[in-house]
């Protein structure tokens, strides 16, 4: 596969009583822009 997609959600209670939520979305793409290749 040339690219992969991952997602993650972290929920953390804080000492103040609030709730912290972090959404992470990652795309890994096997290509090379630095060589000037036209995608």
ModelCIF file with pLDDT and N, C-alpha, C, O atoms, coordinates in Angstrom:
data_MODEL
#
_entry.id   MODEL 
#
_entity.id                         1 
_entity.type                       polymer 
_entity.pdbx_number_of_molecules   1 
#
_entity_poly.entity_id                      1 
_entity_poly.type                           'polypeptide(L)' 
_entity_poly.nstd_linkage                   no 
_entity_poly.nstd_monomer                   no 
_entity_poly.pdbx_seq_one_letter_code       
;(UNK)(UNK)(UNK)(UNK)(UNK)(UNK)(UNK)(UNK)(UNK)(UNK)(UNK)(UNK)(UNK)(UNK)(UNK)(UNK)
(UNK)(UNK)(UNK)(UNK)(UNK)(UNK)(UNK)(UNK)(UNK)(UNK)(UNK)(UNK)(UNK)(UNK)(UNK)(UNK)
(UNK)(UNK)(UNK)(UNK)(UNK)(UNK)(UNK)
;
_entity_poly.pdbx_seq_one_letter_code_can   XXXXXXXXXXXXXXXXXXXXXXXXXXXXXXXXXXXXXXX 
_entity_poly.pdbx_strand_id                 A 
#
loop_
_entity_poly_seq.entity_id 
_entity_poly_seq.num 
_entity_poly_seq.mon_id 
_entity_poly_seq.hetero 
1 1  UNK n 
1 2  UNK n 
1 3  UNK n 
1 4  UNK n 
1 5  UNK n 
1 6  UNK n 
1 7  UNK n 
1 8  UNK n 
1 9  UNK n 
1 10 UNK n 
1 11 UNK n 
1 12 UNK n 
1 13 UNK n 
1 14 UNK n 
1 15 UNK n 
1 16 UNK n 
1 17 UNK n 
1 18 UNK n 
1 19 UNK n 
1 20 UNK n 
1 21 UNK n 
1 22 UNK n 
1 23 UNK n 
1 24 UNK n 
1 25 UNK n 
1 26 UNK n 
1 27 UNK n 
1 28 UNK n 
1 29 UNK n 
1 30 UNK n 
1 31 UNK n 
1 32 UNK n 
1 33 UNK n 
1 34 UNK n 
1 35 UNK n 
1 36 UNK n 
1 37 UNK n 
1 38 UNK n 
1 39 UNK n 
#
_struct_asym.id          A 
_struct_asym.entity_id   1 
#
loop_
_ma_qa_metric.id 
_ma_qa_metric.mode 
_ma_qa_metric.name 
_ma_qa_metric.software_group_id 
_ma_qa_metric.type 
1 global pLDDT . pLDDT 
2 local  pLDDT . pLDDT 
#
_ma_qa_metric_global.metric_id      1 
_ma_qa_metric_global.metric_value   81.03 
_ma_qa_metric_global.model_id       1 
_ma_qa_metric_global.ordinal_id     1 
#
loop_
_ma_qa_metric_local.label_asym_id 
_ma_qa_metric_local.label_comp_id 
_ma_qa_metric_local.label_seq_id 
_ma_qa_metric_local.metric_id 
_ma_qa_metric_local.metric_value 
_ma_qa_metric_local.model_id 
_ma_qa_metric_local.ordinal_id 
A UNK 1  2 52.00 1 1  
A UNK 2  2 74.00 1 2  
A UNK 3  2 81.00 1 3  
A UNK 4  2 86.00 1 4  
A UNK 5  2 89.00 1 5  
A UNK 6  2 91.00 1 6  
A UNK 7  2 93.00 1 7  
A UNK 8  2 93.00 1 8  
A UNK 9  2 93.00 1 9  
A UNK 10 2 91.00 1 10 
A UNK 11 2 91.00 1 11 
A UNK 12 2 90.00 1 12 
A UNK 13 2 90.00 1 13 
A UNK 14 2 87.00 1 14 
A UNK 15 2 84.00 1 15 
A UNK 16 2 83.00 1 16 
A UNK 17 2 86.00 1 17 
A UNK 18 2 87.00 1 18 
A UNK 19 2 89.00 1 19 
A UNK 20 2 91.00 1 20 
A UNK 21 2 90.00 1 21 
A UNK 22 2 91.00 1 22 
A UNK 23 2 92.00 1 23 
A UNK 24 2 92.00 1 24 
A UNK 25 2 92.00 1 25 
A UNK 26 2 91.00 1 26 
A UNK 27 2 89.00 1 27 
A UNK 28 2 85.00 1 28 
A UNK 29 2 82.00 1 29 
A UNK 30 2 78.00 1 30 
A UNK 31 2 73.00 1 31 
A UNK 32 2 68.00 1 32 
A UNK 33 2 62.00 1 33 
A UNK 34 2 60.00 1 34 
A UNK 35 2 60.00 1 35 
A UNK 36 2 55.00 1 36 
A UNK 37 2 55.00 1 37 
A UNK 38 2 60.00 1 38 
A UNK 39 2 64.00 1 39 
#
loop_
_atom_site.group_PDB 
_atom_site.id 
_atom_site.type_symbol 
_atom_site.label_atom_id 
_atom_site.label_alt_id 
_atom_site.label_comp_id 
_atom_site.label_asym_id 
_atom_site.label_entity_id 
_atom_site.label_seq_id 
_atom_site.pdbx_PDB_ins_code 
_atom_site.Cartn_x 
_atom_site.Cartn_y 
_atom_site.Cartn_z 
_atom_site.occupancy 
_atom_site.B_iso_or_equiv 
_atom_site.pdbx_formal_charge 
_atom_site.auth_seq_id 
_atom_site.auth_comp_id 
_atom_site.auth_asym_id 
_atom_site.auth_atom_id 
_atom_site.pdbx_PDB_model_num 
ATOM 1   N N  . UNK A 1 1  ? 0.832   -1.193 0.000   1.00 52.00 ? 1  UNK A N  1 
ATOM 2   C CA . UNK A 1 1  ? 0.000   0.000  0.000   1.00 52.00 ? 1  UNK A CA 1 
ATOM 3   C C  . UNK A 1 1  ? 0.871   1.250  0.000   1.00 52.00 ? 1  UNK A C  1 
ATOM 4   O O  . UNK A 1 1  ? 1.884   1.312  0.697   1.00 52.00 ? 1  UNK A O  1 
ATOM 5   N N  . UNK A 1 2  ? 0.469   2.247  -0.790  1.00 74.00 ? 2  UNK A N  1 
ATOM 6   C CA . UNK A 1 2  ? 1.229   3.482  -0.909  1.00 74.00 ? 2  UNK A CA 1 
ATOM 7   C C  . UNK A 1 2  ? 0.920   4.462  0.220   1.00 74.00 ? 2  UNK A C  1 
ATOM 8   O O  . UNK A 1 2  ? 1.737   5.334  0.516   1.00 74.00 ? 2  UNK A O  1 
ATOM 9   N N  . UNK A 1 3  ? -0.232  4.335  0.848   1.00 81.00 ? 3  UNK A N  1 
ATOM 10  C CA . UNK A 1 3  ? -0.566  5.222  1.945   1.00 81.00 ? 3  UNK A CA 1 
ATOM 11  C C  . UNK A 1 3  ? -1.433  4.495  2.971   1.00 81.00 ? 3  UNK A C  1 
ATOM 12  O O  . UNK A 1 3  ? -2.149  3.548  2.646   1.00 81.00 ? 3  UNK A O  1 
ATOM 13  N N  . UNK A 1 4  ? -1.351  4.956  4.198   1.00 86.00 ? 4  UNK A N  1 
ATOM 14  C CA . UNK A 1 4  ? -2.099  4.374  5.295   1.00 86.00 ? 4  UNK A CA 1 
ATOM 15  C C  . UNK A 1 4  ? -2.703  5.491  6.134   1.00 86.00 ? 4  UNK A C  1 
ATOM 16  O O  . UNK A 1 4  ? -2.154  6.589  6.226   1.00 86.00 ? 4  UNK A O  1 
ATOM 17  N N  . UNK A 1 5  ? -3.840  5.187  6.741   1.00 89.00 ? 5  UNK A N  1 
ATOM 18  C CA . UNK A 1 5  ? -4.535  6.178  7.559   1.00 89.00 ? 5  UNK A CA 1 
ATOM 19  C C  . UNK A 1 5  ? -4.754  5.610  8.948   1.00 89.00 ? 5  UNK A C  1 
ATOM 20  O O  . UNK A 1 5  ? -5.190  4.469  9.099   1.00 89.00 ? 5  UNK A O  1 
ATOM 21  N N  . UNK A 1 6  ? -4.449  6.410  9.967   1.00 91.00 ? 6  UNK A N  1 
ATOM 22  C CA . UNK A 1 6  ? -4.637  6.015  11.355  1.00 91.00 ? 6  UNK A CA 1 
ATOM 23  C C  . UNK A 1 6  ? -5.344  7.137  12.098  1.00 91.00 ? 6  UNK A C  1 
ATOM 24  O O  . UNK A 1 6  ? -5.144  8.314  11.797  1.00 91.00 ? 6  UNK A O  1 
ATOM 25  N N  . UNK A 1 7  ? -6.165  6.773  13.063  1.00 93.00 ? 7  UNK A N  1 
ATOM 26  C CA . UNK A 1 7  ? -6.827  7.776  13.889  1.00 93.00 ? 7  UNK A CA 1 
ATOM 27  C C  . UNK A 1 7  ? -6.816  7.320  15.338  1.00 93.00 ? 7  UNK A C  1 
ATOM 28  O O  . UNK A 1 7  ? -6.830  6.126  15.634  1.00 93.00 ? 7  UNK A O  1 
ATOM 29  N N  . UNK A 1 8  ? -6.790  8.295  16.229  1.00 93.00 ? 8  UNK A N  1 
ATOM 30  C CA . UNK A 1 8  ? -6.666  7.995  17.654  1.00 93.00 ? 8  UNK A CA 1 
ATOM 31  C C  . UNK A 1 8  ? -7.380  9.072  18.454  1.00 93.00 ? 8  UNK A C  1 
ATOM 32  O O  . UNK A 1 8  ? -7.335  10.250 18.097  1.00 93.00 ? 8  UNK A O  1 
ATOM 33  N N  . UNK A 1 9  ? -8.035  8.675  19.527  1.00 93.00 ? 9  UNK A N  1 
ATOM 34  C CA . UNK A 1 9  ? -8.705  9.607  20.438  1.00 93.00 ? 9  UNK A CA 1 
ATOM 35  C C  . UNK A 1 9  ? -8.233  9.323  21.850  1.00 93.00 ? 9  UNK A C  1 
ATOM 36  O O  . UNK A 1 9  ? -8.352  8.202  22.347  1.00 93.00 ? 9  UNK A O  1 
ATOM 37  N N  . UNK A 1 10 ? -7.693  10.358 22.497  1.00 91.00 ? 10 UNK A N  1 
ATOM 38  C CA . UNK A 1 10 ? -7.243  10.249 23.882  1.00 91.00 ? 10 UNK A CA 1 
ATOM 39  C C  . UNK A 1 10 ? -8.106  11.169 24.735  1.00 91.00 ? 10 UNK A C  1 
ATOM 40  O O  . UNK A 1 10 ? -8.205  12.367 24.468  1.00 91.00 ? 10 UNK A O  1 
ATOM 41  N N  . UNK A 1 11 ? -8.728  10.601 25.763  1.00 91.00 ? 11 UNK A N  1 
ATOM 42  C CA . UNK A 1 11 ? -9.558  11.367 26.696  1.00 91.00 ? 11 UNK A CA 1 
ATOM 43  C C  . UNK A 1 11 ? -8.929  11.284 28.073  1.00 91.00 ? 11 UNK A C  1 
ATOM 44  O O  . UNK A 1 11 ? -8.662  10.196 28.584  1.00 91.00 ? 11 UNK A O  1 
ATOM 45  N N  . UNK A 1 12 ? -8.695  12.453 28.673  1.00 90.00 ? 12 UNK A N  1 
ATOM 46  C CA . UNK A 1 12 ? -7.998  12.484 29.953  1.00 90.00 ? 12 UNK A CA 1 
ATOM 47  C C  . UNK A 1 12 ? -8.711  13.428 30.913  1.00 90.00 ? 12 UNK A C  1 
ATOM 48  O O  . UNK A 1 12 ? -8.915  14.597 30.585  1.00 90.00 ? 12 UNK A O  1 
ATOM 49  N N  . UNK A 1 13 ? -9.094  12.943 32.095  1.00 90.00 ? 13 UNK A N  1 
ATOM 50  C CA . UNK A 1 13 ? -9.679  13.843 33.099  1.00 90.00 ? 13 UNK A CA 1 
ATOM 51  C C  . UNK A 1 13 ? -8.586  14.707 33.715  1.00 90.00 ? 13 UNK A C  1 
ATOM 52  O O  . UNK A 1 13 ? -7.484  14.224 33.975  1.00 90.00 ? 13 UNK A O  1 
ATOM 53  N N  . UNK A 1 14 ? -8.882  15.969 33.947  1.00 87.00 ? 14 UNK A N  1 
ATOM 54  C CA . UNK A 1 14 ? -7.919  16.905 34.513  1.00 87.00 ? 14 UNK A CA 1 
ATOM 55  C C  . UNK A 1 14 ? -8.208  17.147 35.987  1.00 87.00 ? 14 UNK A C  1 
ATOM 56  O O  . UNK A 1 14 ? -9.316  16.901 36.463  1.00 87.00 ? 14 UNK A O  1 
ATOM 57  N N  . UNK A 1 15 ? -7.202  17.631 36.703  1.00 84.00 ? 15 UNK A N  1 
ATOM 58  C CA . UNK A 1 15 ? -7.345  17.855 38.141  1.00 84.00 ? 15 UNK A CA 1 
ATOM 59  C C  . UNK A 1 15 ? -8.416  18.911 38.439  1.00 84.00 ? 15 UNK A C  1 
ATOM 60  O O  . UNK A 1 15 ? -9.017  18.907 39.514  1.00 84.00 ? 15 UNK A O  1 
ATOM 61  N N  . UNK A 1 16 ? -8.647  19.812 37.483  1.00 83.00 ? 16 UNK A N  1 
ATOM 62  C CA . UNK A 1 16 ? -9.627  20.874 37.688  1.00 83.00 ? 16 UNK A CA 1 
ATOM 63  C C  . UNK A 1 16 ? -11.061 20.375 37.565  1.00 83.00 ? 16 UNK A C  1 
ATOM 64  O O  . UNK A 1 16 ? -12.000 21.115 37.857  1.00 83.00 ? 16 UNK A O  1 
ATOM 65  N N  . UNK A 1 17 ? -11.241 19.121 37.133  1.00 86.00 ? 17 UNK A N  1 
ATOM 66  C CA . UNK A 1 17 ? -12.580 18.594 36.914  1.00 86.00 ? 17 UNK A CA 1 
ATOM 67  C C  . UNK A 1 17 ? -13.012 18.682 35.464  1.00 86.00 ? 17 UNK A C  1 
ATOM 68  O O  . UNK A 1 17 ? -14.082 18.193 35.102  1.00 86.00 ? 17 UNK A O  1 
ATOM 69  N N  . UNK A 1 18 ? -12.184 19.305 34.625  1.00 87.00 ? 18 UNK A N  1 
ATOM 70  C CA . UNK A 1 18 ? -12.471 19.385 33.199  1.00 87.00 ? 18 UNK A CA 1 
ATOM 71  C C  . UNK A 1 18 ? -12.036 18.087 32.505  1.00 87.00 ? 18 UNK A C  1 
ATOM 72  O O  . UNK A 1 18 ? -11.388 17.231 33.108  1.00 87.00 ? 18 UNK A O  1 
ATOM 73  N N  . UNK A 1 19 ? -12.400 17.965 31.249  1.00 89.00 ? 19 UNK A N  1 
ATOM 74  C CA . UNK A 1 19 ? -12.050 16.790 30.456  1.00 89.00 ? 19 UNK A CA 1 
ATOM 75  C C  . UNK A 1 19 ? -11.282 17.225 29.222  1.00 89.00 ? 19 UNK A C  1 
ATOM 76  O O  . UNK A 1 19 ? -11.701 18.127 28.497  1.00 89.00 ? 19 UNK A O  1 
ATOM 77  N N  . UNK A 1 20 ? -10.152 16.571 28.994  1.00 91.00 ? 20 UNK A N  1 
ATOM 78  C CA . UNK A 1 20 ? -9.297  16.889 27.847  1.00 91.00 ? 20 UNK A CA 1 
ATOM 79  C C  . UNK A 1 20 ? -9.454  15.796 26.796  1.00 91.00 ? 20 UNK A C  1 
ATOM 80  O O  . UNK A 1 20 ? -9.308  14.612 27.102  1.00 91.00 ? 20 UNK A O  1 
ATOM 81  N N  . UNK A 1 21 ? -9.752  16.189 25.560  1.00 90.00 ? 21 UNK A N  1 
ATOM 82  C CA . UNK A 1 21 ? -9.910  15.238 24.457  1.00 90.00 ? 21 UNK A CA 1 
ATOM 83  C C  . UNK A 1 21 ? -8.974  15.627 23.328  1.00 90.00 ? 21 UNK A C  1 
ATOM 84  O O  . UNK A 1 21 ? -8.966  16.778 22.892  1.00 90.00 ? 21 UNK A O  1 
ATOM 85  N N  . UNK A 1 22 ? -8.187  14.675 22.855  1.00 91.00 ? 22 UNK A N  1 
ATOM 86  C CA . UNK A 1 22 ? -7.238  14.910 21.771  1.00 91.00 ? 22 UNK A CA 1 
ATOM 87  C C  . UNK A 1 22 ? -7.523  13.934 20.641  1.00 91.00 ? 22 UNK A C  1 
ATOM 88  O O  . UNK A 1 22 ? -7.404  12.721 20.811  1.00 91.00 ? 22 UNK A O  1 
ATOM 89  N N  . UNK A 1 23 ? -7.905  14.480 19.469  1.00 92.00 ? 23 UNK A N  1 
ATOM 90  C CA . UNK A 1 23 ? -8.145  13.684 18.270  1.00 92.00 ? 23 UNK A CA 1 
ATOM 91  C C  . UNK A 1 23 ? -6.897  13.751 17.393  1.00 92.00 ? 23 UNK A C  1 
ATOM 92  O O  . UNK A 1 23 ? -6.401  14.841 17.106  1.00 92.00 ? 23 UNK A O  1 
ATOM 93  N N  . UNK A 1 24 ? -6.385  12.593 16.966  1.00 92.00 ? 24 UNK A N  1 
ATOM 94  C CA . UNK A 1 24 ? -5.218  12.548 16.107  1.00 92.00 ? 24 UNK A CA 1 
ATOM 95  C C  . UNK A 1 24 ? -5.543  11.754 14.839  1.00 92.00 ? 24 UNK A C  1 
ATOM 96  O O  . UNK A 1 24 ? -6.026  10.624 14.902  1.00 92.00 ? 24 UNK A O  1 
ATOM 97  N N  . UNK A 1 25 ? -5.268  12.373 13.690  1.00 92.00 ? 25 UNK A N  1 
ATOM 98  C CA . UNK A 1 25 ? -5.484  11.719 12.396  1.00 92.00 ? 25 UNK A CA 1 
ATOM 99  C C  . UNK A 1 25 ? -4.161  11.753 11.631  1.00 92.00 ? 25 UNK A C  1 
ATOM 100 O O  . UNK A 1 25 ? -3.588  12.824 11.431  1.00 92.00 ? 25 UNK A O  1 
ATOM 101 N N  . UNK A 1 26 ? -3.675  10.587 11.202  1.00 91.00 ? 26 UNK A N  1 
ATOM 102 C CA . UNK A 1 26 ? -2.370  10.515 10.546  1.00 91.00 ? 26 UNK A CA 1 
ATOM 103 C C  . UNK A 1 26 ? -2.494  9.790  9.211   1.00 91.00 ? 26 UNK A C  1 
ATOM 104 O O  . UNK A 1 26 ? -3.161  8.762  9.101   1.00 91.00 ? 26 UNK A O  1 
ATOM 105 N N  . UNK A 1 27 ? -1.839  10.349 8.205   1.00 89.00 ? 27 UNK A N  1 
ATOM 106 C CA . UNK A 1 27 ? -1.747  9.706  6.902   1.00 89.00 ? 27 UNK A CA 1 
ATOM 107 C C  . UNK A 1 27 ? -0.283  9.510  6.558   1.00 89.00 ? 27 UNK A C  1 
ATOM 108 O O  . UNK A 1 27 ? 0.472   10.478 6.470   1.00 89.00 ? 27 UNK A O  1 
ATOM 109 N N  . UNK A 1 28 ? 0.121   8.272  6.365   1.00 85.00 ? 28 UNK A N  1 
ATOM 110 C CA . UNK A 1 28 ? 1.479   7.936  5.927   1.00 85.00 ? 28 UNK A CA 1 
ATOM 111 C C  . UNK A 1 28 ? 1.435   7.667  4.436   1.00 85.00 ? 28 UNK A C  1 
ATOM 112 O O  . UNK A 1 28 ? 0.714   6.777  3.984   1.00 85.00 ? 28 UNK A O  1 
ATOM 113 N N  . UNK A 1 29 ? 2.202   8.430  3.668   1.00 82.00 ? 29 UNK A N  1 
ATOM 114 C CA . UNK A 1 29 ? 2.161   8.310  2.213   1.00 82.00 ? 29 UNK A CA 1 
ATOM 115 C C  . UNK A 1 29 ? 3.550   8.027  1.675   1.00 82.00 ? 29 UNK A C  1 
ATOM 116 O O  . UNK A 1 29 ? 4.482   8.792  1.922   1.00 82.00 ? 29 UNK A O  1 
ATOM 117 N N  . UNK A 1 30 ? 3.691   6.953  0.954   1.00 78.00 ? 30 UNK A N  1 
ATOM 118 C CA . UNK A 1 30 ? 4.976   6.542  0.392   1.00 78.00 ? 30 UNK A CA 1 
ATOM 119 C C  . UNK A 1 30 ? 5.176   7.206  -0.964  1.00 78.00 ? 30 UNK A C  1 
ATOM 120 O O  . UNK A 1 30 ? 4.867   6.632  -2.009  1.00 78.00 ? 30 UNK A O  1 
ATOM 121 N N  . UNK A 1 31 ? 5.696   8.422  -0.925  1.00 73.00 ? 31 UNK A N  1 
ATOM 122 C CA . UNK A 1 31 ? 5.988   9.164  -2.154  1.00 73.00 ? 31 UNK A CA 1 
ATOM 123 C C  . UNK A 1 31 ? 7.141   10.109 -1.867  1.00 73.00 ? 31 UNK A C  1 
ATOM 124 O O  . UNK A 1 31 ? 7.581   10.218 -0.723  1.00 73.00 ? 31 UNK A O  1 
ATOM 125 N N  . UNK A 1 32 ? 7.626   10.782 -2.873  1.00 68.00 ? 32 UNK A N  1 
ATOM 126 C CA . UNK A 1 32 ? 8.784   11.650 -2.704  1.00 68.00 ? 32 UNK A CA 1 
ATOM 127 C C  . UNK A 1 32 ? 8.581   12.948 -3.472  1.00 68.00 ? 32 UNK A C  1 
ATOM 128 O O  . UNK A 1 32 ? 8.770   13.005 -4.688  1.00 68.00 ? 32 UNK A O  1 
ATOM 129 N N  . UNK A 1 33 ? 8.191   13.996 -2.735  1.00 62.00 ? 33 UNK A N  1 
ATOM 130 C CA . UNK A 1 33 ? 8.031   15.304 -3.347  1.00 62.00 ? 33 UNK A CA 1 
ATOM 131 C C  . UNK A 1 33 ? 9.368   16.004 -3.533  1.00 62.00 ? 33 UNK A C  1 
ATOM 132 O O  . UNK A 1 33 ? 9.506   16.849 -4.418  1.00 62.00 ? 33 UNK A O  1 
ATOM 133 N N  . UNK A 1 34 ? 10.351  15.664 -2.710  1.00 60.00 ? 34 UNK A N  1 
ATOM 134 C CA . UNK A 1 34 ? 11.611  16.405 -2.706  1.00 60.00 ? 34 UNK A CA 1 
ATOM 135 C C  . UNK A 1 34 ? 12.414  16.215 -3.976  1.00 60.00 ? 34 UNK A C  1 
ATOM 136 O O  . UNK A 1 34 ? 13.288  17.025 -4.286  1.00 60.00 ? 34 UNK A O  1 
ATOM 137 N N  . UNK A 1 35 ? 12.131  15.162 -4.710  1.00 60.00 ? 35 UNK A N  1 
ATOM 138 C CA . UNK A 1 35 ? 12.867  14.929 -5.956  1.00 60.00 ? 35 UNK A CA 1 
ATOM 139 C C  . UNK A 1 35 ? 12.194  15.563 -7.169  1.00 60.00 ? 35 UNK A C  1 
ATOM 140 O O  . UNK A 1 35 ? 12.626  15.371 -8.306  1.00 60.00 ? 35 UNK A O  1 
ATOM 141 N N  . UNK A 1 36 ? 11.138  16.314 -6.913  1.00 55.00 ? 36 UNK A N  1 
ATOM 142 C CA . UNK A 1 36 ? 10.456  16.976 -8.006  1.00 55.00 ? 36 UNK A CA 1 
ATOM 143 C C  . UNK A 1 36 ? 9.525   16.090 -8.798  1.00 55.00 ? 36 UNK A C  1 
ATOM 144 O O  . UNK A 1 36 ? 9.100   16.463 -9.891  1.00 55.00 ? 36 UNK A O  1 
ATOM 145 N N  . UNK A 1 37 ? 9.195   14.909 -8.266  1.00 55.00 ? 37 UNK A N  1 
ATOM 146 C CA . UNK A 1 37 ? 8.281   14.016 -8.969  1.00 55.00 ? 37 UNK A CA 1 
ATOM 147 C C  . UNK A 1 37 ? 6.875   14.601 -8.989  1.00 55.00 ? 37 UNK A C  1 
ATOM 148 O O  . UNK A 1 37 ? 6.385   15.080 -7.967  1.00 55.00 ? 37 UNK A O  1 
ATOM 149 N N  . UNK A 1 38 ? 6.241   14.563 -10.120 1.00 60.00 ? 38 UNK A N  1 
ATOM 150 C CA . UNK A 1 38 ? 4.889   15.073 -10.250 1.00 60.00 ? 38 UNK A CA 1 
ATOM 151 C C  . UNK A 1 38 ? 3.895   13.992 -9.863  1.00 60.00 ? 38 UNK A C  1 
ATOM 152 O O  . UNK A 1 38 ? 3.819   12.946 -10.507 1.00 60.00 ? 38 UNK A O  1 
ATOM 153 N N  . UNK A 1 39 ? 3.134   14.250 -8.808  1.00 64.00 ? 39 UNK A N  1 
ATOM 154 C CA . UNK A 1 39 ? 2.157   13.287 -8.315  1.00 64.00 ? 39 UNK A CA 1 
ATOM 155 C C  . UNK A 1 39 ? 0.801   13.614 -8.927  1.00 64.00 ? 39 UNK A C  1 
ATOM 156 O O  . UNK A 1 39 ? -0.182  12.927 -8.650  1.00 64.00 ? 39 UNK A O  1 
#
